[in-house]
């Protein structure tokens, strides 16, 4: 019985080491980091890693859990300030977009989490659903306030944030945010349907 407890404790420690190493390497290098590199950093055999996480996708999902909780928390906190009348929805939306972009520039794990939200928000559960719901409420309230263009959808938000130049220098990221956020403004000019030089 004592041996069983020791084995379970060893397994739990190995899992924790694997997740810690995966999180660290993904934060620095992104999802392209190999499972062999993660196993080596954790000090475990590749077979041990695969016993805990049968696929790389399983490992990345588990390693991103902390970033997912963080993303959900900051999005829900922004919505809570709006709901409590502490600040306008458009102001919180702008600040949240900047947080996403600048945090993603420093943390590949957070960037992967935001990308996953953009790709999977319609089918997500748990923490991802929390972030998606709070973001949608922000957009809807900003439109109700007359501050965001009524044609904007949450899919537009995901699409543009997914395309953010997070690997660029700070000045470039700030310029991109300024230009991108201007497109959400309720007073923005409408673009023509086609260029006058476009082939008919």
C-alpha atoms as a PDB file:
ATOM      1  CA  UNK A   1       0.000   0.000   0.000  1.00  0.00           C
ATOM      2  CA  UNK A   2       2.828   2.377   0.874  1.00  0.00           C
ATOM      3  CA  UNK A   3       4.455   1.491  -2.441  1.00  0.00           C
ATOM      4  CA  UNK A   4       1.257   2.390  -4.295  1.00  0.00           C
ATOM      5  CA  UNK A   5       1.178   5.772  -2.571  1.00  0.00           C
ATOM      6  CA  UNK A   6       4.815   6.356  -3.503  1.00  0.00           C
ATOM      7  CA  UNK A   7       4.117   5.495  -7.135  1.00  0.00           C
ATOM      8  CA  UNK A   8       1.131   7.857  -7.218  1.00  0.00           C
ATOM      9  CA  UNK A   9       3.214  10.628  -5.633  1.00  0.00           C
ATOM     10  CA  UNK A  10       6.004  10.067  -8.176  1.00  0.00           C
ATOM     11  CA  UNK A  11       3.489  10.180 -11.025  1.00  0.00           C
ATOM     12  CA  UNK A  12       2.010  13.433  -9.703  1.00  0.00           C
ATOM     13  CA  UNK A  13       5.481  14.987  -9.405  1.00  0.00           C
ATOM     14  CA  UNK A  14       6.375  13.900 -12.929  1.00  0.00           C
ATOM     15  CA  UNK A  15       3.164  15.366 -14.300  1.00  0.00           C
ATOM     16  CA  UNK A  16       3.801  18.653 -12.506  1.00  0.00           C
ATOM     17  CA  UNK A  17       7.383  18.812 -13.835  1.00  0.00           C
ATOM     18  CA  UNK A  18       6.213  18.093 -17.369  1.00  0.00           C
ATOM     19  CA  UNK A  19       3.571  20.825 -17.225  1.00  0.00           C
ATOM     20  CA  UNK A  20       5.997  23.331 -15.712  1.00  0.00           C
ATOM     21  CA  UNK A  21       8.586  22.630 -18.419  1.00  0.00           C
ATOM     22  CA  UNK A  22       5.963  22.718 -21.179  1.00  0.00           C
ATOM     23  CA  UNK A  23       4.629  26.046 -19.978  1.00  0.00           C
ATOM     24  CA  UNK A  24       8.138  27.534 -19.764  1.00  0.00           C
ATOM     25  CA  UNK A  25       9.224  26.325 -23.199  1.00  0.00           C
ATOM     26  CA  UNK A  26       5.948  27.252 -24.898  1.00  0.00           C
ATOM     27  CA  UNK A  27       6.138  30.722 -23.333  1.00  0.00           C
ATOM     28  CA  UNK A  28       9.627  31.200 -24.780  1.00  0.00           C
ATOM     29  CA  UNK A  29       9.388  29.377 -28.099  1.00  0.00           C
ATOM     30  CA  UNK A  30       5.725  28.780 -28.939  1.00  0.00           C
ATOM     31  CA  UNK A  31       3.865  25.582 -29.819  1.00  0.00           C
ATOM     32  CA  UNK A  32       6.578  24.365 -32.190  1.00  0.00           C
ATOM     33  CA  UNK A  33       8.699  23.215 -29.240  1.00  0.00           C
ATOM     34  CA  UNK A  34       9.136  19.432 -29.409  1.00  0.00           C
ATOM     35  CA  UNK A  35       7.838  16.954 -26.852  1.00  0.00           C
ATOM     36  CA  UNK A  36      11.373  15.537 -26.605  1.00  0.00           C
ATOM     37  CA  UNK A  37      12.645  18.952 -25.544  1.00  0.00           C
ATOM     38  CA  UNK A  38       9.885  19.222 -22.949  1.00  0.00           C
ATOM     39  CA  UNK A  39      10.616  15.743 -21.579  1.00  0.00           C
ATOM     40  CA  UNK A  40      14.327  16.547 -21.367  1.00  0.00           C
ATOM     41  CA  UNK A  41      13.673  19.837 -19.576  1.00  0.00           C
ATOM     42  CA  UNK A  42      11.388  18.025 -17.115  1.00  0.00           C
ATOM     43  CA  UNK A  43      13.980  15.324 -16.492  1.00  0.00           C
ATOM     44  CA  UNK A  44      11.685  12.475 -17.519  1.00  0.00           C
ATOM     45  CA  UNK A  45      11.729   9.905 -20.301  1.00  0.00           C
ATOM     46  CA  UNK A  46       9.621  10.499 -23.406  1.00  0.00           C
ATOM     47  CA  UNK A  47       7.546   7.445 -22.476  1.00  0.00           C
ATOM     48  CA  UNK A  48       6.706   9.005 -19.120  1.00  0.00           C
ATOM     49  CA  UNK A  49       5.522  12.160 -20.857  1.00  0.00           C
ATOM     50  CA  UNK A  50       3.276  10.174 -23.219  1.00  0.00           C
ATOM     51  CA  UNK A  51       1.781   8.171 -20.356  1.00  0.00           C
ATOM     52  CA  UNK A  52       0.501  11.440 -18.905  1.00  0.00           C
ATOM     53  CA  UNK A  53      -0.243  13.162 -22.220  1.00  0.00           C
ATOM     54  CA  UNK A  54      -0.909  10.750 -25.130  1.00  0.00           C
ATOM     55  CA  UNK A  55      -0.646  13.522 -27.723  1.00  0.00           C
ATOM     56  CA  UNK A  56       1.118  16.851 -28.040  1.00  0.00           C
ATOM     57  CA  UNK A  57      -2.279  18.517 -28.291  1.00  0.00           C
ATOM     58  CA  UNK A  58      -3.239  17.102 -24.878  1.00  0.00           C
ATOM     59  CA  UNK A  59      -0.015  18.444 -23.397  1.00  0.00           C
ATOM     60  CA  UNK A  60      -0.400  21.913 -24.894  1.00  0.00           C
ATOM     61  CA  UNK A  61      -4.016  22.142 -23.730  1.00  0.00           C
ATOM     62  CA  UNK A  62      -3.015  21.272 -20.176  1.00  0.00           C
ATOM     63  CA  UNK A  63      -0.027  23.626 -20.232  1.00  0.00           C
ATOM     64  CA  UNK A  64      -2.199  26.505 -21.458  1.00  0.00           C
ATOM     65  CA  UNK A  65      -4.765  26.119 -18.692  1.00  0.00           C
ATOM     66  CA  UNK A  66      -3.164  28.846 -16.580  1.00  0.00           C
ATOM     67  CA  UNK A  67      -3.116  31.277 -19.512  1.00  0.00           C
ATOM     68  CA  UNK A  68      -6.721  30.428 -20.296  1.00  0.00           C
ATOM     69  CA  UNK A  69      -7.764  31.225 -16.741  1.00  0.00           C
ATOM     70  CA  UNK A  70      -5.832  34.491 -16.927  1.00  0.00           C
ATOM     71  CA  UNK A  71      -7.487  35.455 -20.215  1.00  0.00           C
ATOM     72  CA  UNK A  72     -10.933  34.618 -18.827  1.00  0.00           C
ATOM     73  CA  UNK A  73     -10.259  36.566 -15.624  1.00  0.00           C
ATOM     74  CA  UNK A  74      -9.117  39.789 -17.299  1.00  0.00           C
ATOM     75  CA  UNK A  75     -12.000  39.691 -19.785  1.00  0.00           C
ATOM     76  CA  UNK A  76     -14.587  39.076 -17.072  1.00  0.00           C
ATOM     77  CA  UNK A  77     -13.034  41.786 -14.888  1.00  0.00           C
ATOM     78  CA  UNK A  78     -13.340  44.273 -17.741  1.00  0.00           C
ATOM     79  CA  UNK A  79     -17.001  43.366 -18.205  1.00  0.00           C
ATOM     80  CA  UNK A  80     -17.628  43.571 -14.451  1.00  0.00           C
ATOM     81  CA  UNK A  81     -16.368  47.174 -14.385  1.00  0.00           C
ATOM     82  CA  UNK A  82     -18.801  48.026 -17.181  1.00  0.00           C
ATOM     83  CA  UNK A  83     -21.688  46.207 -15.532  1.00  0.00           C
ATOM     84  CA  UNK A  84     -21.045  48.056 -12.270  1.00  0.00           C
ATOM     85  CA  UNK A  85     -20.988  51.406 -14.036  1.00  0.00           C
ATOM     86  CA  UNK A  86     -17.311  52.047 -13.319  1.00  0.00           C
ATOM     87  CA  UNK A  87     -16.280  52.684 -16.942  1.00  0.00           C
ATOM     88  CA  UNK A  88     -17.762  52.713 -20.469  1.00  0.00           C
ATOM     89  CA  UNK A  89     -17.725  49.494 -22.451  1.00  0.00           C
ATOM     90  CA  UNK A  90     -15.747  51.022 -25.346  1.00  0.00           C
ATOM     91  CA  UNK A  91     -13.022  52.196 -22.983  1.00  0.00           C
ATOM     92  CA  UNK A  92     -12.741  48.717 -21.481  1.00  0.00           C
ATOM     93  CA  UNK A  93     -12.757  47.180 -24.960  1.00  0.00           C
ATOM     94  CA  UNK A  94      -9.831  49.338 -26.063  1.00  0.00           C
ATOM     95  CA  UNK A  95      -7.850  48.578 -22.912  1.00  0.00           C
ATOM     96  CA  UNK A  96      -8.570  44.865 -23.236  1.00  0.00           C
ATOM     97  CA  UNK A  97      -7.410  44.779 -26.860  1.00  0.00           C
ATOM     98  CA  UNK A  98      -4.152  46.446 -25.841  1.00  0.00           C
ATOM     99  CA  UNK A  99      -3.694  43.962 -22.998  1.00  0.00           C
ATOM    100  CA  UNK A 100      -4.193  41.013 -25.357  1.00  0.00           C
ATOM    101  CA  UNK A 101      -1.699  42.337 -27.898  1.00  0.00           C
ATOM    102  CA  UNK A 102       1.047  43.411 -25.490  1.00  0.00           C
ATOM    103  CA  UNK A 103       0.751  40.340 -23.260  1.00  0.00           C
ATOM    104  CA  UNK A 104       0.894  38.077 -26.311  1.00  0.00           C
ATOM    105  CA  UNK A 105       4.088  39.833 -27.372  1.00  0.00           C
ATOM    106  CA  UNK A 106       5.779  38.740 -24.137  1.00  0.00           C
ATOM    107  CA  UNK A 107       4.130  35.378 -23.561  1.00  0.00           C
ATOM    108  CA  UNK A 108       3.765  32.806 -26.359  1.00  0.00           C
ATOM    109  CA  UNK A 109       1.515  30.685 -24.146  1.00  0.00           C
ATOM    110  CA  UNK A 110      -0.937  33.559 -23.753  1.00  0.00           C
ATOM    111  CA  UNK A 111      -0.774  34.163 -27.500  1.00  0.00           C
ATOM    112  CA  UNK A 112      -1.593  30.523 -28.231  1.00  0.00           C
ATOM    113  CA  UNK A 113      -4.497  30.713 -25.803  1.00  0.00           C
ATOM    114  CA  UNK A 114      -5.895  33.820 -27.492  1.00  0.00           C
ATOM    115  CA  UNK A 115      -5.489  32.141 -30.895  1.00  0.00           C
ATOM    116  CA  UNK A 116      -7.305  29.058 -29.647  1.00  0.00           C
ATOM    117  CA  UNK A 117     -10.149  31.231 -28.380  1.00  0.00           C
ATOM    118  CA  UNK A 118     -10.388  32.844 -31.808  1.00  0.00           C
ATOM    119  CA  UNK A 119     -10.532  29.453 -33.514  1.00  0.00           C
ATOM    120  CA  UNK A 120     -12.737  27.535 -31.082  1.00  0.00           C
ATOM    121  CA  UNK A 121     -14.964  30.046 -29.285  1.00  0.00           C
ATOM    122  CA  UNK A 122     -18.178  28.707 -30.805  1.00  0.00           C
ATOM    123  CA  UNK A 123     -17.559  25.226 -29.431  1.00  0.00           C
ATOM    124  CA  UNK A 124     -15.734  25.990 -26.191  1.00  0.00           C
ATOM    125  CA  UNK A 125     -16.592  25.209 -22.614  1.00  0.00           C
ATOM    126  CA  UNK A 126     -15.341  26.224 -19.189  1.00  0.00           C
ATOM    127  CA  UNK A 127     -12.726  28.967 -19.008  1.00  0.00           C
ATOM    128  CA  UNK A 128     -12.776  29.570 -22.759  1.00  0.00           C
ATOM    129  CA  UNK A 129     -16.536  30.067 -22.673  1.00  0.00           C
ATOM    130  CA  UNK A 130     -16.124  32.577 -19.840  1.00  0.00           C
ATOM    131  CA  UNK A 131     -13.740  34.674 -21.932  1.00  0.00           C
ATOM    132  CA  UNK A 132     -15.916  34.432 -25.060  1.00  0.00           C
ATOM    133  CA  UNK A 133     -19.102  35.405 -23.207  1.00  0.00           C
ATOM    134  CA  UNK A 134     -17.529  38.402 -21.461  1.00  0.00           C
ATOM    135  CA  UNK A 135     -16.000  39.638 -24.720  1.00  0.00           C
ATOM    136  CA  UNK A 136     -19.326  39.350 -26.505  1.00  0.00           C
ATOM    137  CA  UNK A 137     -21.076  41.330 -23.768  1.00  0.00           C
ATOM    138  CA  UNK A 138     -18.489  44.109 -24.060  1.00  0.00           C
ATOM    139  CA  UNK A 139     -19.092  44.413 -27.800  1.00  0.00           C
ATOM    140  CA  UNK A 140     -22.868  44.400 -27.396  1.00  0.00           C
ATOM    141  CA  UNK A 141     -22.817  47.036 -24.636  1.00  0.00           C
ATOM    142  CA  UNK A 142     -20.440  49.302 -26.588  1.00  0.00           C
ATOM    143  CA  UNK A 143     -22.861  49.106 -29.516  1.00  0.00           C
ATOM    144  CA  UNK A 144     -25.848  49.811 -27.287  1.00  0.00           C
ATOM    145  CA  UNK A 145     -23.985  52.877 -25.966  1.00  0.00           C
ATOM    146  CA  UNK A 146     -23.522  54.076 -29.541  1.00  0.00           C
ATOM    147  CA  UNK A 147     -19.729  53.970 -29.283  1.00  0.00           C
ATOM    148  CA  UNK A 148     -19.020  50.937 -31.480  1.00  0.00           C
ATOM    149  CA  UNK A 149     -20.126  50.526 -35.071  1.00  0.00           C
ATOM    150  CA  UNK A 150     -23.291  48.354 -35.180  1.00  0.00           C
ATOM    151  CA  UNK A 151     -21.892  46.130 -37.943  1.00  0.00           C
ATOM    152  CA  UNK A 152     -19.036  44.849 -35.773  1.00  0.00           C
ATOM    153  CA  UNK A 153     -19.306  41.230 -34.644  1.00  0.00           C
ATOM    154  CA  UNK A 154     -17.296  39.258 -32.104  1.00  0.00           C
ATOM    155  CA  UNK A 155     -15.862  37.325 -35.054  1.00  0.00           C
ATOM    156  CA  UNK A 156     -14.410  40.594 -36.386  1.00  0.00           C
ATOM    157  CA  UNK A 157     -12.729  41.147 -33.040  1.00  0.00           C
ATOM    158  CA  UNK A 158     -11.192  37.671 -33.008  1.00  0.00           C
ATOM    159  CA  UNK A 159     -10.071  37.967 -36.622  1.00  0.00           C
ATOM    160  CA  UNK A 160      -8.231  41.243 -36.080  1.00  0.00           C
ATOM    161  CA  UNK A 161      -6.659  40.313 -32.756  1.00  0.00           C
ATOM    162  CA  UNK A 162      -5.488  37.053 -34.315  1.00  0.00           C
ATOM    163  CA  UNK A 163      -3.701  39.137 -36.973  1.00  0.00           C
ATOM    164  CA  UNK A 164      -2.006  41.471 -34.477  1.00  0.00           C
ATOM    165  CA  UNK A 165       1.746  42.023 -35.060  1.00  0.00           C
ATOM    166  CA  UNK A 166       2.699  40.662 -31.644  1.00  0.00           C
ATOM    167  CA  UNK A 167       6.311  40.015 -32.707  1.00  0.00           C
ATOM    168  CA  UNK A 168       6.828  43.677 -33.652  1.00  0.00           C
ATOM    169  CA  UNK A 169       8.336  46.393 -31.457  1.00  0.00           C
ATOM    170  CA  UNK A 170       6.138  48.321 -29.031  1.00  0.00           C
ATOM    171  CA  UNK A 171       5.751  51.390 -31.265  1.00  0.00           C
ATOM    172  CA  UNK A 172       4.531  49.228 -34.149  1.00  0.00           C
ATOM    173  CA  UNK A 173       2.075  47.362 -31.916  1.00  0.00           C
ATOM    174  CA  UNK A 174       0.681  50.649 -30.603  1.00  0.00           C
ATOM    175  CA  UNK A 175       0.283  52.034 -34.139  1.00  0.00           C
ATOM    176  CA  UNK A 176      -1.507  48.855 -35.208  1.00  0.00           C
ATOM    177  CA  UNK A 177      -3.844  49.088 -32.210  1.00  0.00           C
ATOM    178  CA  UNK A 178      -4.647  52.719 -33.035  1.00  0.00           C
ATOM    179  CA  UNK A 179      -5.515  51.867 -36.624  1.00  0.00           C
ATOM    180  CA  UNK A 180      -7.385  48.682 -35.754  1.00  0.00           C
ATOM    181  CA  UNK A 181      -9.487  50.264 -33.003  1.00  0.00           C
ATOM    182  CA  UNK A 182     -10.438  53.158 -35.280  1.00  0.00           C
ATOM    183  CA  UNK A 183     -12.246  50.611 -37.444  1.00  0.00           C
ATOM    184  CA  UNK A 184     -14.536  49.727 -34.548  1.00  0.00           C
ATOM    185  CA  UNK A 185     -15.562  53.295 -33.856  1.00  0.00           C
ATOM    186  CA  UNK A 186     -19.209  54.155 -34.414  1.00  0.00           C
ATOM    187  CA  UNK A 187     -18.219  57.269 -36.400  1.00  0.00           C
ATOM    188  CA  UNK A 188     -15.842  55.511 -38.817  1.00  0.00           C
ATOM    189  CA  UNK A 189     -16.251  56.206 -42.514  1.00  0.00           C
ATOM    190  CA  UNK A 190     -17.638  53.440 -44.671  1.00  0.00           C
ATOM    191  CA  UNK A 191     -15.294  51.960 -47.252  1.00  0.00           C
ATOM    192  CA  UNK A 192     -16.553  51.610 -50.848  1.00  0.00           C
ATOM    193  CA  UNK A 193     -17.543  48.135 -51.961  1.00  0.00           C
ATOM    194  CA  UNK A 194     -14.884  48.022 -54.677  1.00  0.00           C
ATOM    195  CA  UNK A 195     -11.918  49.921 -56.016  1.00  0.00           C
ATOM    196  CA  UNK A 196     -12.730  52.067 -59.093  1.00  0.00           C
ATOM    197  CA  UNK A 197      -9.858  50.265 -60.824  1.00  0.00           C
ATOM    198  CA  UNK A 198     -11.101  46.790 -59.938  1.00  0.00           C
ATOM    199  CA  UNK A 199     -11.907  44.565 -62.895  1.00  0.00           C
ATOM    200  CA  UNK A 200     -15.603  44.369 -63.624  1.00  0.00           C
END
